[in-house]
Amino acid sequence: MPKERVERKIARRLDHMDFESRDLTGTFAGAAGVSGSSDGIGAAARFGSGSTSVATDNLGNVYVADCSNHTIRKVTPSGVVTTLAGTAGAAGYIDGDSSAALFNVPADVALDDNGNLYVVDQGNLLVRKITSAGAVSTVAGIKGLEGQAVGPLPASLNIPIGIHARTLGGGVELLLTIDHGVVRILTD
């Protein structure tokens, strides 16, 4: 099988890896080569082509930036896939309850120690936060305003790409890769 075809198949599914033996142990969720947006269990679930990033919590849940579907997905340790936030096929920008929130090409996700999920909402040029209670808010960036502005948040961002979150003192430090650089954001 050509290397490109194998890479595409792997990109369309989450694989469970046994980190002790370094073996690929099978498909965890989704189906290789089949894209879509369906909640379900294991191979019955579908992810968009180009799901770009995953993060895991201490309970073994996996969070997926399903960028082509404009959604954030959650996969439990038993392989149950649900849409955590966003509406499949509906790019946009709405903060609020996760069931009503909209994203535009979520490109990366990261969790802090309190269970808050941070999302690089690349199409809107924003960093968004989803609390464990399901509230979605904008942390940094101004919708649609590209460019780097240093100062008080929300400050504009220059094409956000990737994110890392870590608890630091009483707040959270976000390290954000942007077009040609890295930005450090401190939040409450």
N, C-alpha and C. Protein backbone atom coordinates (compact mmCIF):
# COMPACT_ATOMS: atom_id res chain seq x y z
N MET A 1 0.85 -1.18 0.00
CA MET A 1 0.00 0.00 0.00
C MET A 1 0.91 1.24 0.00
N PRO A 2 0.65 2.25 -0.87
CA PRO A 2 1.48 3.46 -0.90
C PRO A 2 1.44 4.21 0.43
N LYS A 3 2.56 4.83 0.76
CA LYS A 3 2.71 5.55 2.03
C LYS A 3 1.62 6.60 2.20
N GLU A 4 1.31 7.37 1.15
CA GLU A 4 0.31 8.42 1.25
C GLU A 4 -1.06 7.87 1.62
N ARG A 5 -1.41 6.71 1.06
CA ARG A 5 -2.70 6.10 1.36
C ARG A 5 -2.77 5.64 2.82
N VAL A 6 -1.67 5.07 3.31
CA VAL A 6 -1.61 4.65 4.70
C VAL A 6 -1.76 5.86 5.61
N GLU A 7 -1.04 6.97 5.31
CA GLU A 7 -1.13 8.18 6.13
C GLU A 7 -2.55 8.73 6.15
N ARG A 8 -3.23 8.71 5.00
CA ARG A 8 -4.61 9.20 4.95
C ARG A 8 -5.52 8.32 5.81
N LYS A 9 -5.34 7.03 5.74
CA LYS A 9 -6.17 6.13 6.53
C LYS A 9 -5.96 6.37 8.02
N ILE A 10 -4.72 6.52 8.43
CA ILE A 10 -4.43 6.75 9.84
C ILE A 10 -4.98 8.10 10.28
N ALA A 11 -4.90 9.10 9.43
CA ALA A 11 -5.39 10.43 9.78
C ALA A 11 -6.90 10.46 9.99
N ARG A 12 -7.64 9.51 9.41
CA ARG A 12 -9.09 9.51 9.52
C ARG A 12 -9.61 8.68 10.68
N ARG A 13 -8.75 8.21 11.52
CA ARG A 13 -9.20 7.45 12.67
C ARG A 13 -8.28 7.72 13.85
N LEU A 14 -8.76 7.44 15.01
CA LEU A 14 -7.92 7.47 16.20
C LEU A 14 -7.49 6.05 16.47
N ASP A 15 -6.20 5.85 16.62
CA ASP A 15 -5.71 4.51 16.91
C ASP A 15 -5.29 4.44 18.35
N HIS A 16 -5.60 3.33 18.98
CA HIS A 16 -5.21 3.10 20.36
C HIS A 16 -3.81 2.50 20.35
N MET A 17 -2.88 3.16 21.02
CA MET A 17 -1.51 2.68 21.03
C MET A 17 -1.17 2.16 22.42
N ASP A 18 -0.57 1.00 22.46
CA ASP A 18 -0.06 0.43 23.69
C ASP A 18 1.34 1.01 23.89
N PHE A 19 1.47 1.99 24.79
CA PHE A 19 2.72 2.71 24.93
C PHE A 19 3.81 1.87 25.61
N GLU A 20 3.44 0.79 26.27
CA GLU A 20 4.44 -0.08 26.87
C GLU A 20 5.18 -0.87 25.78
N SER A 21 4.43 -1.45 24.85
CA SER A 21 5.05 -2.28 23.82
C SER A 21 5.23 -1.54 22.51
N ARG A 22 4.67 -0.34 22.41
CA ARG A 22 4.74 0.47 21.19
C ARG A 22 4.04 -0.22 20.02
N ASP A 23 2.95 -0.90 20.29
CA ASP A 23 2.20 -1.58 19.25
C ASP A 23 0.91 -0.83 18.95
N LEU A 24 0.54 -0.79 17.69
CA LEU A 24 -0.75 -0.28 17.29
C LEU A 24 -1.75 -1.39 17.58
N THR A 25 -2.70 -1.13 18.49
CA THR A 25 -3.57 -2.20 18.95
C THR A 25 -4.93 -2.23 18.29
N GLY A 26 -5.22 -1.28 17.40
CA GLY A 26 -6.47 -1.32 16.68
C GLY A 26 -7.16 0.03 16.66
N THR A 27 -8.21 0.11 15.89
CA THR A 27 -8.97 1.34 15.76
C THR A 27 -9.74 1.61 17.04
N PHE A 28 -9.57 2.79 17.56
CA PHE A 28 -10.21 3.20 18.80
C PHE A 28 -11.58 3.82 18.51
N ALA A 29 -11.63 4.65 17.48
CA ALA A 29 -12.88 5.30 17.09
C ALA A 29 -12.78 5.74 15.64
N GLY A 30 -13.89 5.67 14.93
CA GLY A 30 -13.89 6.04 13.52
C GLY A 30 -13.55 4.85 12.64
N ALA A 31 -13.54 5.09 11.34
CA ALA A 31 -13.24 4.03 10.38
C ALA A 31 -12.26 4.57 9.34
N ALA A 32 -11.20 3.83 9.13
CA ALA A 32 -10.16 4.24 8.18
C ALA A 32 -10.75 4.46 6.79
N GLY A 33 -10.44 5.61 6.22
CA GLY A 33 -10.86 5.90 4.86
C GLY A 33 -12.30 6.35 4.71
N VAL A 34 -13.04 6.46 5.81
CA VAL A 34 -14.44 6.86 5.73
C VAL A 34 -14.63 8.13 6.56
N SER A 35 -14.89 9.23 5.88
CA SER A 35 -15.07 10.49 6.61
C SER A 35 -16.56 10.78 6.77
N GLY A 36 -16.85 11.70 7.67
CA GLY A 36 -18.22 12.10 7.95
C GLY A 36 -18.28 12.77 9.30
N SER A 37 -19.44 12.85 9.88
CA SER A 37 -19.60 13.39 11.22
C SER A 37 -20.76 12.69 11.89
N SER A 38 -20.45 11.58 12.53
CA SER A 38 -21.48 10.82 13.23
C SER A 38 -20.97 10.47 14.61
N ASP A 39 -21.80 10.74 15.61
CA ASP A 39 -21.52 10.25 16.94
C ASP A 39 -21.84 8.76 16.94
N GLY A 40 -21.17 8.01 17.80
CA GLY A 40 -21.42 6.58 17.86
C GLY A 40 -20.34 5.89 18.66
N ILE A 41 -20.33 4.58 18.58
CA ILE A 41 -19.36 3.78 19.31
C ILE A 41 -18.37 3.16 18.34
N GLY A 42 -17.08 3.34 18.63
CA GLY A 42 -16.02 2.73 17.84
C GLY A 42 -16.11 3.05 16.36
N ALA A 43 -16.16 2.00 15.54
CA ALA A 43 -16.14 2.15 14.09
C ALA A 43 -17.42 2.78 13.53
N ALA A 44 -18.48 2.87 14.33
CA ALA A 44 -19.72 3.50 13.87
C ALA A 44 -19.60 5.02 13.85
N ALA A 45 -18.66 5.57 14.58
CA ALA A 45 -18.45 7.03 14.62
C ALA A 45 -17.71 7.46 13.36
N ARG A 46 -17.90 8.72 12.98
CA ARG A 46 -17.21 9.28 11.82
C ARG A 46 -16.59 10.62 12.20
N PHE A 47 -15.41 10.85 11.65
CA PHE A 47 -14.69 12.11 11.80
C PHE A 47 -14.46 12.68 10.41
N GLY A 48 -14.32 14.00 10.35
CA GLY A 48 -14.03 14.65 9.08
C GLY A 48 -12.62 14.35 8.62
N SER A 49 -12.41 14.49 7.32
CA SER A 49 -11.04 14.35 6.82
C SER A 49 -10.24 15.53 7.34
N GLY A 50 -9.09 15.27 7.86
CA GLY A 50 -8.26 16.35 8.36
C GLY A 50 -8.49 16.69 9.82
N SER A 51 -9.02 15.77 10.63
CA SER A 51 -9.07 16.03 12.07
C SER A 51 -7.63 16.22 12.51
N THR A 52 -7.34 17.36 13.14
CA THR A 52 -5.96 17.78 13.25
C THR A 52 -5.28 17.55 14.57
N SER A 53 -6.01 17.42 15.65
CA SER A 53 -5.34 17.42 16.94
C SER A 53 -6.16 16.66 17.97
N VAL A 54 -5.45 16.08 18.94
CA VAL A 54 -6.10 15.42 20.06
C VAL A 54 -5.45 15.85 21.36
N ALA A 55 -6.21 15.79 22.44
CA ALA A 55 -5.71 16.00 23.80
C ALA A 55 -6.42 14.98 24.67
N THR A 56 -5.77 14.58 25.76
CA THR A 56 -6.38 13.61 26.65
C THR A 56 -6.46 14.16 28.07
N ASP A 57 -7.47 13.72 28.80
CA ASP A 57 -7.59 14.12 30.21
C ASP A 57 -7.16 12.96 31.10
N ASN A 58 -7.20 13.19 32.41
CA ASN A 58 -6.75 12.18 33.37
C ASN A 58 -7.66 10.96 33.46
N LEU A 59 -8.86 11.06 32.90
CA LEU A 59 -9.80 9.94 32.93
C LEU A 59 -9.70 9.06 31.68
N GLY A 60 -8.82 9.46 30.75
CA GLY A 60 -8.65 8.69 29.53
C GLY A 60 -9.52 9.13 28.38
N ASN A 61 -10.28 10.22 28.55
CA ASN A 61 -11.07 10.76 27.45
C ASN A 61 -10.15 11.44 26.45
N VAL A 62 -10.51 11.36 25.18
CA VAL A 62 -9.75 11.98 24.11
C VAL A 62 -10.61 13.07 23.49
N TYR A 63 -10.04 14.26 23.31
CA TYR A 63 -10.75 15.38 22.70
C TYR A 63 -10.13 15.64 21.34
N VAL A 64 -10.97 15.78 20.32
CA VAL A 64 -10.51 15.87 18.94
C VAL A 64 -10.95 17.20 18.32
N ALA A 65 -10.00 17.89 17.70
CA ALA A 65 -10.33 19.05 16.88
C ALA A 65 -10.72 18.51 15.51
N ASP A 66 -12.00 18.41 15.26
CA ASP A 66 -12.52 17.88 13.99
C ASP A 66 -12.71 19.07 13.06
N CYS A 67 -11.59 19.52 12.49
CA CYS A 67 -11.57 20.81 11.81
C CYS A 67 -12.49 20.91 10.60
N SER A 68 -12.55 19.89 9.76
CA SER A 68 -13.39 20.01 8.57
C SER A 68 -14.87 19.97 8.90
N ASN A 69 -15.22 19.46 10.08
CA ASN A 69 -16.62 19.48 10.52
C ASN A 69 -16.94 20.67 11.42
N HIS A 70 -15.91 21.45 11.78
CA HIS A 70 -16.07 22.64 12.64
C HIS A 70 -16.59 22.27 14.02
N THR A 71 -16.14 21.11 14.53
CA THR A 71 -16.63 20.63 15.82
C THR A 71 -15.49 20.17 16.72
N ILE A 72 -15.80 20.07 18.00
CA ILE A 72 -14.91 19.46 18.97
C ILE A 72 -15.59 18.19 19.42
N ARG A 73 -14.87 17.08 19.34
CA ARG A 73 -15.45 15.78 19.65
C ARG A 73 -14.79 15.20 20.89
N LYS A 74 -15.53 14.37 21.60
CA LYS A 74 -15.03 13.67 22.78
C LYS A 74 -15.17 12.18 22.56
N VAL A 75 -14.09 11.45 22.87
CA VAL A 75 -14.10 10.00 22.77
C VAL A 75 -13.78 9.44 24.16
N THR A 76 -14.68 8.64 24.71
CA THR A 76 -14.47 8.05 26.02
C THR A 76 -13.49 6.87 25.90
N PRO A 77 -12.95 6.39 27.01
CA PRO A 77 -12.06 5.23 26.95
C PRO A 77 -12.69 3.99 26.32
N SER A 78 -14.02 3.89 26.37
CA SER A 78 -14.69 2.74 25.75
C SER A 78 -15.05 2.98 24.29
N GLY A 79 -14.60 4.13 23.73
CA GLY A 79 -14.82 4.39 22.31
C GLY A 79 -16.11 5.09 21.95
N VAL A 80 -16.84 5.61 22.93
CA VAL A 80 -18.09 6.34 22.64
C VAL A 80 -17.72 7.76 22.19
N VAL A 81 -18.14 8.12 20.99
CA VAL A 81 -17.84 9.43 20.41
C VAL A 81 -19.07 10.31 20.47
N THR A 82 -18.90 11.52 21.02
CA THR A 82 -19.97 12.52 21.04
C THR A 82 -19.40 13.85 20.56
N THR A 83 -20.30 14.70 20.08
CA THR A 83 -19.90 16.05 19.70
C THR A 83 -20.01 16.91 20.94
N LEU A 84 -18.87 17.44 21.39
CA LEU A 84 -18.82 18.24 22.61
C LEU A 84 -19.28 19.67 22.34
N ALA A 85 -18.88 20.23 21.21
CA ALA A 85 -19.24 21.61 20.88
C ALA A 85 -19.17 21.80 19.37
N GLY A 86 -19.99 22.73 18.89
CA GLY A 86 -20.04 23.02 17.46
C GLY A 86 -21.12 22.21 16.78
N THR A 87 -21.39 22.59 15.54
CA THR A 87 -22.39 21.91 14.72
C THR A 87 -21.72 21.48 13.43
N ALA A 88 -21.77 20.19 13.12
CA ALA A 88 -21.12 19.67 11.93
C ALA A 88 -21.57 20.41 10.68
N GLY A 89 -20.60 20.88 9.90
CA GLY A 89 -20.89 21.56 8.65
C GLY A 89 -21.25 23.02 8.79
N ALA A 90 -21.31 23.54 10.01
CA ALA A 90 -21.72 24.93 10.23
C ALA A 90 -20.54 25.73 10.79
N ALA A 91 -19.79 26.36 9.91
CA ALA A 91 -18.70 27.24 10.34
C ALA A 91 -19.30 28.55 10.83
N GLY A 92 -18.76 29.07 11.94
CA GLY A 92 -19.27 30.34 12.44
C GLY A 92 -18.62 30.71 13.75
N TYR A 93 -19.22 31.66 14.42
CA TYR A 93 -18.70 32.11 15.71
C TYR A 93 -19.85 32.44 16.64
N ILE A 94 -20.04 31.59 17.64
CA ILE A 94 -21.01 31.85 18.71
C ILE A 94 -20.40 31.31 19.99
N ASP A 95 -20.32 32.16 21.02
CA ASP A 95 -19.95 31.73 22.36
C ASP A 95 -21.23 31.35 23.10
N GLY A 96 -21.09 30.69 24.23
CA GLY A 96 -22.25 30.32 25.05
C GLY A 96 -22.23 28.85 25.37
N ASP A 97 -23.39 28.25 25.50
CA ASP A 97 -23.49 26.83 25.79
C ASP A 97 -22.89 26.02 24.64
N SER A 98 -22.19 24.95 24.97
CA SER A 98 -21.51 24.16 23.94
C SER A 98 -22.46 23.61 22.87
N SER A 99 -23.73 23.42 23.21
CA SER A 99 -24.69 22.90 22.23
C SER A 99 -25.05 23.95 21.18
N ALA A 100 -24.84 25.22 21.48
CA ALA A 100 -25.15 26.30 20.53
C ALA A 100 -23.90 26.95 19.94
N ALA A 101 -22.74 26.68 20.51
CA ALA A 101 -21.50 27.32 20.07
C ALA A 101 -21.14 26.90 18.65
N LEU A 102 -20.49 27.82 17.94
CA LEU A 102 -19.99 27.53 16.60
C LEU A 102 -18.50 27.83 16.53
N PHE A 103 -17.80 27.05 15.72
CA PHE A 103 -16.37 27.20 15.47
C PHE A 103 -16.15 27.27 13.96
N ASN A 104 -14.98 27.78 13.58
CA ASN A 104 -14.61 27.85 12.18
C ASN A 104 -13.20 27.29 12.03
N VAL A 105 -13.10 26.04 11.67
CA VAL A 105 -11.85 25.31 11.52
C VAL A 105 -11.05 25.24 12.83
N PRO A 106 -11.57 24.50 13.82
CA PRO A 106 -10.78 24.30 15.04
C PRO A 106 -9.56 23.45 14.71
N ALA A 107 -8.38 24.01 14.94
CA ALA A 107 -7.15 23.37 14.47
C ALA A 107 -6.37 22.63 15.54
N ASP A 108 -6.55 23.01 16.81
CA ASP A 108 -5.78 22.36 17.87
C ASP A 108 -6.54 22.48 19.18
N VAL A 109 -6.27 21.54 20.10
CA VAL A 109 -6.90 21.54 21.41
C VAL A 109 -5.86 21.24 22.48
N ALA A 110 -6.08 21.77 23.69
CA ALA A 110 -5.22 21.50 24.84
C ALA A 110 -6.05 21.62 26.10
N LEU A 111 -5.74 20.81 27.10
CA LEU A 111 -6.46 20.82 28.38
C LEU A 111 -5.58 21.41 29.48
N ASP A 112 -6.22 22.15 30.40
CA ASP A 112 -5.50 22.58 31.60
C ASP A 112 -5.79 21.59 32.73
N ASP A 113 -5.18 21.83 33.89
CA ASP A 113 -5.35 20.90 35.01
C ASP A 113 -6.74 20.92 35.63
N ASN A 114 -7.55 21.92 35.29
CA ASN A 114 -8.90 22.03 35.82
C ASN A 114 -9.95 21.44 34.88
N GLY A 115 -9.52 20.82 33.79
CA GLY A 115 -10.46 20.20 32.86
C GLY A 115 -11.03 21.15 31.83
N ASN A 116 -10.48 22.37 31.73
CA ASN A 116 -10.91 23.30 30.69
C ASN A 116 -10.18 22.98 29.40
N LEU A 117 -10.92 22.98 28.31
CA LEU A 117 -10.35 22.67 27.00
C LEU A 117 -10.17 23.97 26.23
N TYR A 118 -8.97 24.20 25.73
CA TYR A 118 -8.67 25.39 24.93
C TYR A 118 -8.60 24.98 23.48
N VAL A 119 -9.19 25.79 22.60
CA VAL A 119 -9.31 25.46 21.19
C VAL A 119 -8.72 26.59 20.35
N VAL A 120 -7.85 26.23 19.41
CA VAL A 120 -7.41 27.19 18.40
C VAL A 120 -8.51 27.20 17.34
N ASP A 121 -9.27 28.28 17.30
CA ASP A 121 -10.35 28.46 16.31
C ASP A 121 -9.74 29.24 15.14
N GLN A 122 -9.04 28.51 14.29
CA GLN A 122 -8.19 29.13 13.28
C GLN A 122 -8.95 30.00 12.28
N GLY A 123 -10.10 29.55 11.84
CA GLY A 123 -10.86 30.32 10.86
C GLY A 123 -11.38 31.64 11.40
N ASN A 124 -11.55 31.73 12.72
CA ASN A 124 -11.99 32.98 13.34
C ASN A 124 -10.84 33.77 13.95
N LEU A 125 -9.59 33.20 13.92
CA LEU A 125 -8.40 33.85 14.49
C LEU A 125 -8.55 34.06 15.99
N LEU A 126 -9.02 33.01 16.68
CA LEU A 126 -9.32 33.11 18.11
C LEU A 126 -8.76 31.93 18.90
N VAL A 127 -8.65 32.12 20.21
CA VAL A 127 -8.48 31.02 21.15
C VAL A 127 -9.76 30.98 21.96
N ARG A 128 -10.39 29.80 22.01
CA ARG A 128 -11.65 29.63 22.72
C ARG A 128 -11.45 28.67 23.88
N LYS A 129 -12.32 28.75 24.86
CA LYS A 129 -12.26 27.90 26.04
C LYS A 129 -13.60 27.21 26.21
N ILE A 130 -13.55 25.90 26.48
CA ILE A 130 -14.75 25.13 26.81
C ILE A 130 -14.55 24.63 28.23
N THR A 131 -15.39 25.09 29.15
CA THR A 131 -15.28 24.66 30.54
C THR A 131 -15.84 23.25 30.69
N SER A 132 -15.54 22.62 31.82
CA SER A 132 -16.07 21.28 32.07
C SER A 132 -17.59 21.29 32.18
N ALA A 133 -18.17 22.47 32.43
CA ALA A 133 -19.63 22.62 32.48
C ALA A 133 -20.24 22.87 31.10
N GLY A 134 -19.38 23.01 30.07
CA GLY A 134 -19.89 23.18 28.71
C GLY A 134 -20.07 24.61 28.25
N ALA A 135 -19.51 25.58 28.98
CA ALA A 135 -19.60 26.99 28.55
C ALA A 135 -18.43 27.31 27.62
N VAL A 136 -18.74 27.88 26.47
CA VAL A 136 -17.72 28.27 25.49
C VAL A 136 -17.56 29.78 25.53
N SER A 137 -16.29 30.22 25.61
CA SER A 137 -16.00 31.66 25.62
C SER A 137 -14.74 31.92 24.80
N THR A 138 -14.55 33.18 24.44
CA THR A 138 -13.36 33.60 23.71
C THR A 138 -12.32 34.07 24.72
N VAL A 139 -11.12 33.52 24.64
CA VAL A 139 -10.04 33.87 25.55
C VAL A 139 -9.14 34.93 24.94
N ALA A 140 -8.80 34.77 23.68
CA ALA A 140 -7.89 35.71 23.02
C ALA A 140 -8.24 35.81 21.54
N GLY A 141 -7.91 36.96 20.98
CA GLY A 141 -8.18 37.21 19.58
C GLY A 141 -9.44 38.03 19.39
N ILE A 142 -9.52 38.63 18.23
CA ILE A 142 -10.70 39.40 17.84
C ILE A 142 -11.18 38.78 16.53
N LYS A 143 -12.40 38.32 16.52
CA LYS A 143 -12.93 37.58 15.37
C LYS A 143 -12.59 38.27 14.05
N GLY A 144 -11.87 37.54 13.20
CA GLY A 144 -11.57 38.01 11.86
C GLY A 144 -10.49 39.06 11.76
N LEU A 145 -9.94 39.52 12.89
CA LEU A 145 -8.90 40.56 12.85
C LEU A 145 -7.53 39.90 12.92
N GLU A 146 -6.87 39.83 11.77
CA GLU A 146 -5.55 39.22 11.71
C GLU A 146 -4.49 40.25 12.02
N GLY A 147 -3.43 39.82 12.69
CA GLY A 147 -2.33 40.69 13.03
C GLY A 147 -1.96 40.49 14.48
N GLN A 148 -0.76 40.85 14.81
CA GLN A 148 -0.27 40.64 16.16
C GLN A 148 -0.35 41.94 16.95
N ALA A 149 -1.12 41.94 18.03
CA ALA A 149 -1.22 43.08 18.92
C ALA A 149 -0.93 42.61 20.33
N VAL A 150 0.13 43.11 20.92
CA VAL A 150 0.50 42.73 22.28
C VAL A 150 -0.19 43.69 23.24
N GLY A 151 -0.67 43.16 24.35
CA GLY A 151 -1.32 43.99 25.35
C GLY A 151 -2.45 43.25 26.00
N PRO A 152 -3.37 44.01 26.61
CA PRO A 152 -4.49 43.36 27.30
C PRO A 152 -5.32 42.51 26.34
N LEU A 153 -5.82 41.40 26.87
CA LEU A 153 -6.68 40.55 26.04
C LEU A 153 -7.98 41.29 25.76
N PRO A 154 -8.56 41.13 24.60
CA PRO A 154 -8.45 39.96 23.75
C PRO A 154 -7.32 40.00 22.72
N ALA A 155 -6.61 41.11 22.50
CA ALA A 155 -5.47 41.20 21.57
C ALA A 155 -5.65 40.36 20.31
N SER A 156 -5.31 40.91 19.18
CA SER A 156 -5.46 40.18 17.92
C SER A 156 -4.33 39.16 17.75
N LEU A 157 -4.60 38.11 16.98
CA LEU A 157 -3.65 37.02 16.75
C LEU A 157 -3.36 36.89 15.27
N ASN A 158 -2.14 36.51 14.97
CA ASN A 158 -1.72 36.33 13.59
C ASN A 158 -1.73 34.85 13.23
N ILE A 159 -2.81 34.37 12.65
CA ILE A 159 -3.00 32.99 12.22
C ILE A 159 -2.59 31.97 13.29
N PRO A 160 -3.44 31.78 14.31
CA PRO A 160 -3.13 30.78 15.34
C PRO A 160 -3.13 29.38 14.75
N ILE A 161 -2.16 28.57 15.21
CA ILE A 161 -1.98 27.22 14.65
C ILE A 161 -2.09 26.14 15.72
N GLY A 162 -1.25 26.22 16.75
CA GLY A 162 -1.21 25.18 17.76
C GLY A 162 -1.26 25.77 19.15
N ILE A 163 -1.58 24.93 20.15
CA ILE A 163 -1.73 25.44 21.52
C ILE A 163 -1.27 24.39 22.53
N HIS A 164 -0.72 24.91 23.62
CA HIS A 164 -0.35 24.09 24.78
C HIS A 164 -0.82 24.84 26.01
N ALA A 165 -1.43 24.14 26.96
CA ALA A 165 -1.92 24.78 28.20
C ALA A 165 -1.26 24.14 29.40
N ARG A 166 -0.94 24.98 30.38
CA ARG A 166 -0.45 24.43 31.65
C ARG A 166 -0.87 25.38 32.77
N THR A 167 -1.20 24.78 33.90
CA THR A 167 -1.57 25.56 35.07
C THR A 167 -0.31 26.18 35.64
N LEU A 168 -0.41 27.46 35.94
CA LEU A 168 0.74 28.22 36.42
C LEU A 168 0.27 29.12 37.54
N GLY A 169 0.62 28.76 38.78
CA GLY A 169 0.14 29.55 39.92
C GLY A 169 -1.37 29.48 39.98
N GLY A 170 -2.02 30.64 40.02
CA GLY A 170 -3.47 30.69 40.08
C GLY A 170 -4.14 30.79 38.73
N GLY A 171 -3.37 30.75 37.65
CA GLY A 171 -3.95 30.90 36.32
C GLY A 171 -3.47 29.81 35.38
N VAL A 172 -3.65 30.09 34.09
CA VAL A 172 -3.25 29.16 33.05
C VAL A 172 -2.36 29.90 32.07
N GLU A 173 -1.26 29.25 31.72
CA GLU A 173 -0.38 29.77 30.67
C GLU A 173 -0.71 29.03 29.39
N LEU A 174 -0.99 29.78 28.34
CA LEU A 174 -1.23 29.20 27.02
C LEU A 174 -0.05 29.58 26.14
N LEU A 175 0.56 28.59 25.52
CA LEU A 175 1.60 28.83 24.53
C LEU A 175 0.97 28.54 23.18
N LEU A 176 0.98 29.52 22.34
CA LEU A 176 0.26 29.47 21.08
C LEU A 176 1.23 29.67 19.92
N THR A 177 1.27 28.72 19.01
CA THR A 177 2.06 28.93 17.81
C THR A 177 1.21 29.72 16.83
N ILE A 178 1.82 30.71 16.26
CA ILE A 178 1.16 31.56 15.27
C ILE A 178 2.03 31.59 14.03
N ASP A 179 1.56 32.22 12.99
CA ASP A 179 2.34 32.38 11.78
C ASP A 179 3.65 33.09 12.13
N HIS A 180 4.76 32.40 12.05
CA HIS A 180 6.11 32.92 12.29
C HIS A 180 6.41 33.25 13.74
N GLY A 181 5.83 32.55 14.70
CA GLY A 181 6.19 32.84 16.08
C GLY A 181 5.43 32.03 17.11
N VAL A 182 5.75 32.34 18.37
CA VAL A 182 5.08 31.73 19.51
C VAL A 182 4.63 32.85 20.44
N VAL A 183 3.40 32.77 20.90
CA VAL A 183 2.82 33.78 21.79
C VAL A 183 2.54 33.14 23.13
N ARG A 184 2.80 33.88 24.19
CA ARG A 184 2.48 33.42 25.54
C ARG A 184 1.30 34.24 26.04
N ILE A 185 0.25 33.54 26.49
CA ILE A 185 -0.94 34.19 27.00
C ILE A 185 -1.16 33.71 28.43
N LEU A 186 -1.35 34.63 29.35
CA LEU A 186 -1.65 34.29 30.75
C LEU A 186 -3.10 34.60 30.99
N THR A 187 -3.85 33.62 31.53
CA THR A 187 -5.27 33.81 31.79
C THR A 187 -5.57 33.52 33.25
N ASP A 188 -6.76 33.92 33.69
CA ASP A 188 -7.19 33.64 35.07
C ASP A 188 -7.61 32.22 35.23
